Amino acid sequence: MLSINSYAVNSWGSTSSLAGVTAASAIEGSGKTAATGSTDSSASISNLARQLSEAAERAAVRDASMMPAQLAATGKSLRDTLLDQAGKVGANAEVPNTDDPELLARAIQATEFVNVRGGAAFVGKNPFAGLSREQLVLIMYDEGDAFTTNERRAAMYEYNHQASLWSQRVCAQGQAEMASTGTYVNFFKACIAEYQAGSPIEQASYPPNYVAARQRWIDYWESGQGSGDMARDFFEVMLRPLPTPKKYSENLSWGLTSRLSSGSPERAGY
């Protein structure tokens, strides 16, 4: 069987929550050689790398000063704010406190993106498309003034999009695994790897026993006690339609894997 660490390569995020920031910082260092006032891609990347670096510093202070329950409440509050349409008019009117044309253009692009989000105009318009999970988390949970509300919303949509692709791929692998072995051992290893790849504010949104519960299932199956029948009801959850963006206020993989049926071993505290 695969180890949890070997399964991390299948996670939609990096195995290190600092990987994206480290990469951005390296890019920033090279971008600083560009001519002052340049509007080329190097300058654009340097702007974002600087903002991500500052957001990472704020996130580190926040994460170190809060207990998991506080961090979970903060994360939920920030997600709820981004999902709340009541502040749409105010968010659309937000303008970055800068004269930098690249930053102003990106804010406008983000506003256009979150207000369209459909049809041909939607494709490729997210200014944060293709960023890493770590970078998207820094943007969507940032409480500074580096990013507008709509930029943070755009980051959240990209985060959810990547999470959705991950869940589809891993659920398909889980189906194949059940058909082949009668277990979800590697599926649960992928879920644990996805959790471990998350930042503190992501991990805080999970139940405290998230990893231990899945490890019990892994141990149960690897000991030869498990069977396909035992988890039949569980995998019915996997076959349901994926949540809409609004339902992503809680972590996607948690929502997909937390509603197990009443069989052993989850009676031991799932």
Protein backbone atom coordinates (compact mmCIF):
# COMPACT_ATOMS: atom_id res chain seq x y z
CA MET A 1 0.00 0.00 0.00
CA LEU A 2 1.09 3.58 -0.56
CA SER A 3 2.23 5.64 2.41
CA ILE A 4 0.47 8.88 3.26
CA ASN A 5 3.52 10.89 2.24
CA SER A 6 3.71 9.21 -1.16
CA TYR A 7 0.05 10.03 -1.70
CA ALA A 8 0.73 13.73 -1.08
CA VAL A 9 1.83 14.10 -4.69
CA ASN A 10 -1.80 13.56 -5.66
CA SER A 11 -2.97 16.40 -3.45
CA TRP A 12 -4.12 19.57 -5.17
CA GLY A 13 -1.88 21.52 -2.78
CA SER A 14 1.79 21.32 -1.95
CA THR A 15 3.03 19.19 0.92
CA SER A 16 4.35 22.39 2.50
CA SER A 17 2.16 25.36 3.32
CA LEU A 18 5.15 27.62 2.70
CA ALA A 19 6.03 26.28 -0.74
CA GLY A 20 4.01 28.82 -2.70
CA VAL A 21 5.31 31.75 -0.69
CA THR A 22 8.89 30.58 -1.07
CA ALA A 23 8.44 30.33 -4.82
CA ALA A 24 6.83 33.76 -4.94
CA SER A 25 9.66 35.28 -2.93
CA ALA A 26 12.20 33.83 -5.32
CA ILE A 27 10.29 35.30 -8.24
CA GLU A 28 10.09 38.61 -6.45
CA GLY A 29 13.85 38.74 -6.04
CA SER A 30 14.36 38.29 -9.77
CA GLY A 31 11.58 40.73 -10.59
CA LYS A 32 13.25 43.54 -8.68
CA THR A 33 15.85 43.80 -11.41
CA ALA A 34 13.21 45.10 -13.79
CA ALA A 35 13.21 48.77 -14.63
CA THR A 36 11.29 50.96 -12.22
CA GLY A 37 7.76 51.52 -13.42
CA SER A 38 7.87 48.61 -15.83
CA THR A 39 4.51 47.11 -16.66
CA ASP A 40 5.88 43.85 -18.09
CA SER A 41 5.13 40.43 -16.63
CA SER A 42 8.18 40.55 -14.35
CA ALA A 43 6.89 43.68 -12.66
CA SER A 44 3.43 42.16 -12.36
CA ILE A 45 4.80 39.01 -10.74
CA SER A 46 6.95 41.13 -8.44
CA ASN A 47 3.89 43.07 -7.28
CA LEU A 48 2.02 39.90 -6.45
CA ALA A 49 5.04 38.30 -4.80
CA ARG A 50 5.44 41.34 -2.56
CA GLN A 51 1.76 41.27 -1.61
CA LEU A 52 1.90 37.54 -0.91
CA SER A 53 5.00 37.98 1.23
CA GLU A 54 3.27 40.66 3.31
CA ALA A 55 0.10 38.55 3.57
CA ALA A 56 2.21 35.58 4.72
CA GLU A 57 3.67 37.70 7.51
CA ARG A 58 0.18 38.70 8.67
CA ALA A 59 -1.01 35.10 8.45
CA ALA A 60 1.94 33.89 10.53
CA VAL A 61 1.14 36.39 13.29
CA ARG A 62 -2.55 35.45 13.23
CA ASP A 63 -1.88 31.70 13.24
CA ALA A 64 0.58 31.96 16.12
CA SER A 65 -1.74 34.08 18.27
CA MET A 66 -4.90 31.95 17.98
CA MET A 67 -5.97 28.60 19.33
CA PRO A 68 -7.46 26.20 16.73
CA ALA A 69 -11.04 27.01 17.75
CA GLN A 70 -10.37 30.74 17.37
CA LEU A 71 -8.70 30.18 14.03
CA ALA A 72 -11.65 28.09 12.86
CA ALA A 73 -14.09 30.84 13.86
CA THR A 74 -11.99 33.48 12.14
CA GLY A 75 -11.77 31.43 8.96
CA LYS A 76 -15.51 30.82 8.89
CA SER A 77 -16.22 34.50 9.46
CA LEU A 78 -13.94 35.51 6.61
CA ARG A 79 -15.47 32.94 4.26
CA ASP A 80 -18.98 34.03 5.21
CA THR A 81 -18.05 37.63 4.43
CA LEU A 82 -16.83 36.66 0.97
CA LEU A 83 -19.97 34.62 0.32
CA ASP A 84 -22.32 37.36 1.53
CA GLN A 85 -23.89 39.15 -1.42
CA ALA A 86 -25.31 41.94 0.75
CA GLY A 87 -22.05 43.86 0.45
CA LYS A 88 -21.80 43.47 -3.31
CA VAL A 89 -22.26 47.16 -4.12
CA GLY A 90 -19.60 48.23 -1.66
CA ALA A 91 -17.20 45.54 -2.85
CA ASN A 92 -17.66 46.58 -6.48
CA ALA A 93 -16.75 50.14 -5.54
CA GLU A 94 -13.52 49.21 -3.76
CA VAL A 95 -10.34 50.59 -5.30
CA PRO A 96 -6.83 49.67 -4.13
CA ASN A 97 -4.99 52.42 -2.28
CA THR A 98 -2.33 52.74 -4.96
CA ASP A 99 -1.41 54.53 -8.16
CA ASP A 100 0.11 51.38 -9.65
CA PRO A 101 -1.75 50.76 -12.94
CA GLU A 102 -1.13 47.01 -12.78
CA LEU A 103 -2.71 46.70 -9.34
CA LEU A 104 -5.65 48.89 -10.32
CA ALA A 105 -6.24 46.84 -13.47
CA ARG A 106 -6.15 43.60 -11.53
CA ALA A 107 -8.75 44.87 -9.07
CA ILE A 108 -11.02 45.84 -11.97
CA GLN A 109 -10.52 42.43 -13.56
CA ALA A 110 -11.44 40.72 -10.28
CA THR A 111 -14.64 42.77 -10.02
CA GLU A 112 -15.59 41.90 -13.57
CA PHE A 113 -14.88 38.25 -12.89
CA VAL A 114 -16.97 37.89 -9.72
CA ASN A 115 -19.88 39.72 -11.34
CA VAL A 116 -19.94 37.59 -14.50
CA ARG A 117 -18.90 34.07 -13.42
CA GLY A 118 -20.58 32.35 -16.32
CA GLY A 119 -20.61 32.03 -20.08
CA ALA A 120 -17.73 32.55 -22.45
CA ALA A 121 -16.65 35.76 -20.70
CA PHE A 122 -15.96 33.75 -17.55
CA VAL A 123 -13.24 31.56 -19.01
CA GLY A 124 -9.71 32.73 -18.25
CA LYS A 125 -10.82 35.97 -16.61
CA ASN A 126 -9.89 35.18 -13.02
CA PRO A 127 -6.73 37.20 -12.28
CA PHE A 128 -5.60 34.49 -9.86
CA ALA A 129 -6.19 31.48 -12.10
CA GLY A 130 -3.38 28.98 -11.77
CA LEU A 131 -1.97 30.23 -8.49
CA SER A 132 -1.04 27.58 -5.95
CA ARG A 133 -3.33 26.55 -3.13
CA GLU A 134 -1.02 28.26 -0.62
CA GLN A 135 -1.07 31.55 -2.51
CA LEU A 136 -4.85 31.49 -2.90
CA VAL A 137 -5.29 30.88 0.83
CA LEU A 138 -3.07 33.85 1.65
CA ILE A 139 -5.21 36.10 -0.55
CA MET A 140 -8.69 34.92 0.44
CA TYR A 141 -7.98 34.96 4.19
CA ASP A 142 -5.92 38.16 4.24
CA GLU A 143 -7.22 40.87 6.56
CA GLY A 144 -4.85 43.59 5.41
CA ASP A 145 -5.55 46.12 2.67
CA ALA A 146 -3.37 44.52 -0.01
CA PHE A 147 -6.33 42.92 -1.79
CA THR A 148 -9.85 44.19 -2.42
CA THR A 149 -12.88 42.14 -1.38
CA ASN A 150 -13.49 41.11 -4.97
CA GLU A 151 -9.86 40.05 -5.38
CA ARG A 152 -10.26 37.86 -2.31
CA ARG A 153 -13.50 36.51 -3.76
CA ALA A 154 -11.76 35.73 -7.04
CA ALA A 155 -9.07 33.87 -5.09
CA MET A 156 -11.77 31.92 -3.25
CA TYR A 157 -13.43 30.90 -6.54
CA GLU A 158 -10.11 29.64 -7.89
CA TYR A 159 -9.46 27.81 -4.61
CA ASN A 160 -12.86 26.12 -4.85
CA HIS A 161 -12.30 25.29 -8.52
CA GLN A 162 -9.02 23.54 -7.75
CA ALA A 163 -10.58 21.75 -4.76
CA SER A 164 -13.43 20.55 -6.98
CA LEU A 165 -11.01 19.12 -9.54
CA TRP A 166 -9.09 17.42 -6.75
CA SER A 167 -12.23 15.88 -5.28
CA GLN A 168 -13.41 14.57 -8.65
CA ARG A 169 -10.05 12.95 -9.33
CA VAL A 170 -9.69 11.42 -5.86
CA CYS A 171 -13.28 10.17 -5.79
CA ALA A 172 -12.74 8.47 -9.15
CA GLN A 173 -9.60 6.86 -7.74
CA GLY A 174 -11.60 5.79 -4.71
CA GLN A 175 -14.23 4.14 -6.89
CA ALA A 176 -11.55 2.24 -8.77
CA GLU A 177 -9.87 1.25 -5.52
CA MET A 178 -13.11 -0.12 -4.05
CA ALA A 179 -13.80 -2.09 -7.22
CA SER A 180 -10.28 -3.54 -7.14
CA THR A 181 -9.57 -4.07 -3.43
CA GLY A 182 -12.87 -3.63 -1.57
CA THR A 183 -11.33 -0.86 0.54
CA TYR A 184 -10.69 2.90 0.52
CA VAL A 185 -7.22 2.71 2.07
CA ASN A 186 -5.47 4.85 -0.51
CA PHE A 187 -8.49 7.16 -0.76
CA PHE A 188 -8.22 7.97 2.94
CA LYS A 189 -4.46 8.37 2.64
CA ALA A 190 -5.11 10.96 -0.06
CA CYS A 191 -7.56 12.75 2.24
CA ILE A 192 -5.01 12.83 5.06
CA ALA A 193 -2.32 14.10 2.68
CA GLU A 194 -4.68 16.84 1.47
CA TYR A 195 -5.30 17.87 5.08
CA GLN A 196 -1.60 17.89 5.93
CA ALA A 197 -0.89 20.07 2.90
CA GLY A 198 -3.22 22.75 4.22
CA SER A 199 -2.35 25.92 6.11
CA PRO A 200 -3.27 26.30 9.80
CA ILE A 201 -6.46 28.21 9.00
CA GLU A 202 -7.53 25.46 6.58
CA GLN A 203 -6.75 22.68 9.02
CA ALA A 204 -8.67 24.48 11.77
CA SER A 205 -11.88 24.08 9.75
CA TYR A 206 -11.71 20.29 10.07
CA PRO A 207 -12.98 18.27 13.06
CA PRO A 208 -10.20 17.81 15.63
CA ASN A 209 -10.16 14.04 15.05
CA TYR A 210 -10.15 14.24 11.24
CA VAL A 211 -6.80 12.48 10.71
CA ALA A 212 -7.20 10.00 13.57
CA ALA A 213 -10.62 8.92 12.30
CA ARG A 214 -9.34 8.21 8.81
CA GLN A 215 -6.25 6.49 10.15
CA ARG A 216 -8.54 4.13 12.09
CA TRP A 217 -10.22 3.16 8.82
CA ILE A 218 -6.84 2.66 7.16
CA ASP A 219 -5.64 0.46 10.03
CA TYR A 220 -8.95 -1.40 10.02
CA TRP A 221 -8.71 -2.26 6.35
CA GLU A 222 -4.98 -2.96 6.32
CA SER A 223 -5.47 -5.41 9.19
CA GLY A 224 -7.85 -7.36 6.94
CA GLN A 225 -10.99 -6.63 8.97
CA GLY A 226 -12.69 -4.26 6.52
CA SER A 227 -14.98 -5.06 3.63
CA GLY A 228 -16.64 -3.31 0.74
CA ASP A 229 -20.08 -3.76 2.30
CA MET A 230 -19.02 -1.89 5.42
CA ALA A 231 -18.40 1.33 3.49
CA ARG A 232 -21.16 1.09 0.89
CA ASP A 233 -23.28 3.80 2.49
CA PHE A 234 -20.22 6.01 2.88
CA PHE A 235 -19.35 5.97 -0.80
CA GLU A 236 -22.88 6.97 -1.75
CA VAL A 237 -21.82 10.38 -0.46
CA MET A 238 -18.99 10.35 -2.98
CA LEU A 239 -21.44 9.83 -5.82
CA ARG A 240 -23.59 12.83 -5.03
CA PRO A 241 -23.21 16.00 -7.13
CA LEU A 242 -20.39 18.28 -6.03
CA PRO A 243 -21.39 21.30 -3.95
CA THR A 244 -22.07 24.64 -5.54
CA PRO A 245 -19.56 27.46 -4.81
CA LYS A 246 -21.85 28.78 -2.05
CA LYS A 247 -21.61 25.45 -0.25
CA TYR A 248 -17.84 25.65 -0.08
CA SER A 249 -17.97 27.66 3.16
CA GLU A 250 -16.60 24.51 4.77
CA ASN A 251 -13.64 22.55 3.44
CA LEU A 252 -14.63 20.43 0.44
CA SER A 253 -12.84 17.20 1.30
CA TRP A 254 -14.21 17.32 4.84
CA GLY A 255 -17.74 17.63 3.46
CA LEU A 256 -17.17 14.70 1.16
CA THR A 257 -15.71 12.33 3.73
CA SER A 258 -17.19 13.18 7.13
CA ARG A 259 -20.62 11.55 6.87
CA LEU A 260 -19.81 7.89 7.29
CA SER A 261 -22.44 5.25 8.04
CA SER A 262 -22.89 3.76 11.50
CA GLY A 263 -20.54 0.78 11.16
CA SER A 264 -17.26 0.11 12.96
CA PRO A 265 -14.75 1.76 13.51
CA GLU A 266 -16.27 5.25 13.52
CA ARG A 267 -18.24 4.33 16.62
CA ALA A 268 -14.95 4.75 18.44
CA GLY A 269 -15.21 8.52 18.12
CA TYR A 270 -15.52 9.51 14.48
